[in-house]
N, C-alpha and C. Protein backbone atom coordinates (compact mmCIF):
# COMPACT_ATOMS: atom_id res chain seq x y z
N MET A 1 61.87 7.74 49.53
CA MET A 1 60.83 8.75 49.56
C MET A 1 59.75 8.36 50.54
N ARG A 2 59.47 7.05 50.62
CA ARG A 2 58.43 6.58 51.53
C ARG A 2 58.81 6.85 52.97
N CYS A 3 60.11 6.74 53.30
CA CYS A 3 60.57 6.98 54.67
C CYS A 3 60.33 8.42 55.08
N ILE A 4 60.51 9.35 54.15
CA ILE A 4 60.29 10.76 54.45
C ILE A 4 58.81 11.00 54.72
N ALA A 5 57.95 10.38 53.92
CA ALA A 5 56.51 10.57 54.11
C ALA A 5 56.07 9.98 55.44
N VAL A 6 56.57 8.82 55.81
CA VAL A 6 56.21 8.19 57.09
C VAL A 6 56.71 9.05 58.23
N ARG A 7 57.92 9.58 58.11
CA ARG A 7 58.48 10.43 59.18
C ARG A 7 57.66 11.72 59.31
N ALA A 8 57.28 12.33 58.19
CA ALA A 8 56.49 13.55 58.24
C ALA A 8 55.13 13.28 58.87
N LEU A 9 54.52 12.16 58.53
CA LEU A 9 53.23 11.80 59.11
C LEU A 9 53.36 11.56 60.61
N THR A 10 54.44 10.93 61.02
CA THR A 10 54.68 10.70 62.46
C THR A 10 54.86 12.02 63.18
N LEU A 11 55.63 12.92 62.60
CA LEU A 11 55.83 14.23 63.23
C LEU A 11 54.52 15.00 63.31
N TRP A 12 53.69 14.89 62.27
CA TRP A 12 52.41 15.58 62.25
C TRP A 12 51.52 15.11 63.40
N HIS A 13 51.49 13.80 63.64
CA HIS A 13 50.65 13.25 64.70
C HIS A 13 51.20 13.62 66.08
N ASN A 14 52.50 13.86 66.19
CA ASN A 14 53.09 14.22 67.47
C ASN A 14 52.90 15.70 67.81
N LEU A 15 52.51 16.50 66.83
CA LEU A 15 52.30 17.92 67.09
C LEU A 15 51.02 18.13 67.88
N GLY A 16 51.00 19.19 68.65
CA GLY A 16 49.78 19.56 69.35
C GLY A 16 48.84 20.29 68.41
N ALA A 17 47.63 20.56 68.88
CA ALA A 17 46.62 21.23 68.04
C ALA A 17 47.09 22.62 67.63
N ASN A 18 47.70 23.38 68.54
CA ASN A 18 48.16 24.72 68.22
C ASN A 18 49.29 24.68 67.19
N ASP A 19 50.17 23.69 67.32
CA ASP A 19 51.27 23.56 66.36
C ASP A 19 50.75 23.20 64.97
N ARG A 20 49.73 22.33 64.92
CA ARG A 20 49.15 21.97 63.63
C ARG A 20 48.51 23.19 62.97
N ASP A 21 47.84 24.00 63.78
CA ASP A 21 47.24 25.23 63.24
C ASP A 21 48.31 26.15 62.68
N MET A 22 49.43 26.26 63.38
CA MET A 22 50.52 27.12 62.93
C MET A 22 51.11 26.60 61.62
N VAL A 23 51.24 25.29 61.50
CA VAL A 23 51.76 24.70 60.26
C VAL A 23 50.79 24.99 59.11
N ARG A 24 49.49 24.87 59.37
CA ARG A 24 48.50 25.15 58.33
C ARG A 24 48.55 26.63 57.92
N ILE A 25 48.69 27.53 58.89
CA ILE A 25 48.76 28.97 58.59
C ILE A 25 50.01 29.26 57.76
N CYS A 26 51.14 28.69 58.16
CA CYS A 26 52.38 28.92 57.40
C CYS A 26 52.27 28.36 55.99
N ALA A 27 51.63 27.20 55.84
CA ALA A 27 51.45 26.63 54.50
C ALA A 27 50.53 27.51 53.67
N SER A 28 49.49 28.06 54.28
CA SER A 28 48.57 28.95 53.55
C SER A 28 49.28 30.22 53.10
N ILE A 29 50.10 30.78 53.97
CA ILE A 29 50.85 31.99 53.62
C ILE A 29 51.83 31.69 52.49
N ALA A 30 52.50 30.55 52.55
CA ALA A 30 53.44 30.17 51.49
C ALA A 30 52.70 29.99 50.16
N ASP A 31 51.53 29.35 50.19
CA ASP A 31 50.74 29.20 48.96
C ASP A 31 50.32 30.55 48.40
N PHE A 32 49.90 31.46 49.29
CA PHE A 32 49.50 32.80 48.86
C PHE A 32 50.66 33.54 48.20
N CYS A 33 51.85 33.41 48.76
CA CYS A 33 53.03 34.10 48.21
C CYS A 33 53.43 33.53 46.86
N ARG A 34 53.20 32.23 46.64
CA ARG A 34 53.56 31.62 45.36
C ARG A 34 52.51 31.87 44.28
N ASP A 35 51.30 32.24 44.67
CA ASP A 35 50.20 32.41 43.72
C ASP A 35 50.44 33.67 42.89
N GLN A 36 50.37 33.52 41.56
CA GLN A 36 50.62 34.63 40.65
C GLN A 36 49.34 35.15 40.00
N ASN A 37 48.21 34.51 40.23
CA ASN A 37 46.96 34.92 39.58
C ASN A 37 46.53 36.32 39.98
N GLY A 38 46.64 36.65 41.24
CA GLY A 38 46.26 37.99 41.69
C GLY A 38 47.14 39.07 41.10
N ALA A 39 48.42 38.77 40.96
CA ALA A 39 49.34 39.76 40.39
C ALA A 39 48.98 40.07 38.94
N THR A 40 48.56 39.07 38.20
CA THR A 40 48.18 39.28 36.81
C THR A 40 46.94 40.17 36.73
N ALA A 41 45.98 39.93 37.60
CA ALA A 41 44.76 40.75 37.62
C ALA A 41 45.10 42.20 37.97
N ILE A 42 46.00 42.40 38.89
CA ILE A 42 46.40 43.75 39.28
C ILE A 42 47.11 44.44 38.11
N GLU A 43 47.95 43.72 37.41
CA GLU A 43 48.65 44.30 36.26
C GLU A 43 47.65 44.72 35.19
N TYR A 44 46.67 43.88 34.90
CA TYR A 44 45.65 44.24 33.92
C TYR A 44 44.86 45.46 34.40
N GLY A 45 44.57 45.52 35.67
CA GLY A 45 43.85 46.68 36.22
C GLY A 45 44.65 47.97 36.06
N LEU A 46 45.95 47.90 36.29
CA LEU A 46 46.80 49.08 36.12
C LEU A 46 46.85 49.52 34.66
N VAL A 47 46.95 48.57 33.75
CA VAL A 47 46.98 48.91 32.32
C VAL A 47 45.67 49.57 31.91
N VAL A 48 44.54 49.01 32.35
CA VAL A 48 43.24 49.58 32.01
C VAL A 48 43.09 50.97 32.59
N SER A 49 43.55 51.18 33.83
CA SER A 49 43.42 52.51 34.43
C SER A 49 44.29 53.53 33.71
N LEU A 50 45.49 53.15 33.28
CA LEU A 50 46.34 54.08 32.54
C LEU A 50 45.75 54.41 31.17
N ILE A 51 45.17 53.42 30.51
CA ILE A 51 44.53 53.68 29.21
C ILE A 51 43.35 54.62 29.39
N SER A 52 42.52 54.38 30.41
CA SER A 52 41.36 55.25 30.62
C SER A 52 41.79 56.66 31.01
N LEU A 53 42.85 56.79 31.79
CA LEU A 53 43.37 58.12 32.14
C LEU A 53 43.85 58.85 30.89
N THR A 54 44.51 58.14 29.99
CA THR A 54 44.97 58.73 28.74
C THR A 54 43.79 59.19 27.89
N ILE A 55 42.74 58.38 27.81
CA ILE A 55 41.56 58.75 27.02
C ILE A 55 40.87 59.97 27.60
N VAL A 56 40.75 60.03 28.92
CA VAL A 56 40.10 61.18 29.56
C VAL A 56 40.92 62.44 29.32
N THR A 57 42.23 62.35 29.46
CA THR A 57 43.10 63.51 29.23
C THR A 57 43.00 63.97 27.78
N TRP A 58 43.05 63.04 26.84
CA TRP A 58 42.94 63.36 25.42
C TRP A 58 41.59 64.00 25.11
N ALA A 59 40.51 63.45 25.65
CA ALA A 59 39.17 63.99 25.40
C ALA A 59 39.03 65.40 25.98
N THR A 60 39.63 65.64 27.12
CA THR A 60 39.59 66.98 27.72
C THR A 60 40.31 67.99 26.83
N GLN A 61 41.48 67.61 26.35
CA GLN A 61 42.24 68.51 25.48
C GLN A 61 41.50 68.79 24.17
N ILE A 62 40.96 67.76 23.57
CA ILE A 62 40.20 67.94 22.33
C ILE A 62 38.95 68.78 22.60
N GLY A 63 38.31 68.54 23.73
CA GLY A 63 37.12 69.32 24.09
C GLY A 63 37.43 70.79 24.24
N GLN A 64 38.56 71.12 24.83
CA GLN A 64 38.95 72.52 24.98
C GLN A 64 39.22 73.16 23.61
N SER A 65 39.85 72.42 22.72
CA SER A 65 40.12 72.94 21.38
C SER A 65 38.83 73.18 20.61
N VAL A 66 37.91 72.23 20.69
CA VAL A 66 36.63 72.37 19.99
C VAL A 66 35.84 73.54 20.58
N LEU A 67 35.87 73.67 21.90
CA LEU A 67 35.16 74.78 22.55
C LEU A 67 35.72 76.13 22.07
N GLY A 68 37.05 76.23 22.02
CA GLY A 68 37.67 77.47 21.53
C GLY A 68 37.30 77.77 20.09
N PHE A 69 37.25 76.74 19.26
CA PHE A 69 36.88 76.91 17.87
C PHE A 69 35.45 77.46 17.75
N PHE A 70 34.50 76.84 18.46
CA PHE A 70 33.12 77.28 18.37
C PHE A 70 32.90 78.67 18.99
N GLN A 71 33.65 78.97 20.05
CA GLN A 71 33.54 80.31 20.65
C GLN A 71 34.05 81.37 19.68
N SER A 72 35.14 81.11 19.00
CA SER A 72 35.66 82.10 18.03
C SER A 72 34.73 82.19 16.81
N ALA A 73 34.13 81.08 16.41
CA ALA A 73 33.18 81.12 15.29
C ALA A 73 31.95 81.90 15.69
N ALA A 74 31.44 81.70 16.89
CA ALA A 74 30.26 82.43 17.35
C ALA A 74 30.56 83.92 17.49
N SER A 75 31.77 84.24 17.96
CA SER A 75 32.17 85.63 18.09
C SER A 75 32.27 86.30 16.71
N ALA A 76 32.80 85.57 15.75
CA ALA A 76 32.94 86.13 14.39
C ALA A 76 31.57 86.34 13.75
N LEU A 77 30.64 85.44 14.02
CA LEU A 77 29.30 85.57 13.44
C LEU A 77 28.47 86.68 14.09
N SER A 78 28.72 86.93 15.36
CA SER A 78 27.93 87.95 16.05
C SER A 78 28.39 89.38 15.72
N HIS A 79 29.57 89.52 15.19
CA HIS A 79 30.06 90.88 14.85
C HIS A 79 29.70 91.19 13.49
């Protein structure tokens, strides 16, 4: 294992500045792709948005029913 680390360190020192930057960028992209924390936050956000959409739809439907009830009651009282 030590030989692999020494060889990697030797290769790293032999790289030019642009190559080192490219290795760092590729490593950052690989870390980003392996990271699952953002995906969990997005999933929770989707669940919350679907629940809130359901509540708004339900409240709208109930509101229309209540409005119809009070309009018919007001109509019956005015006659």
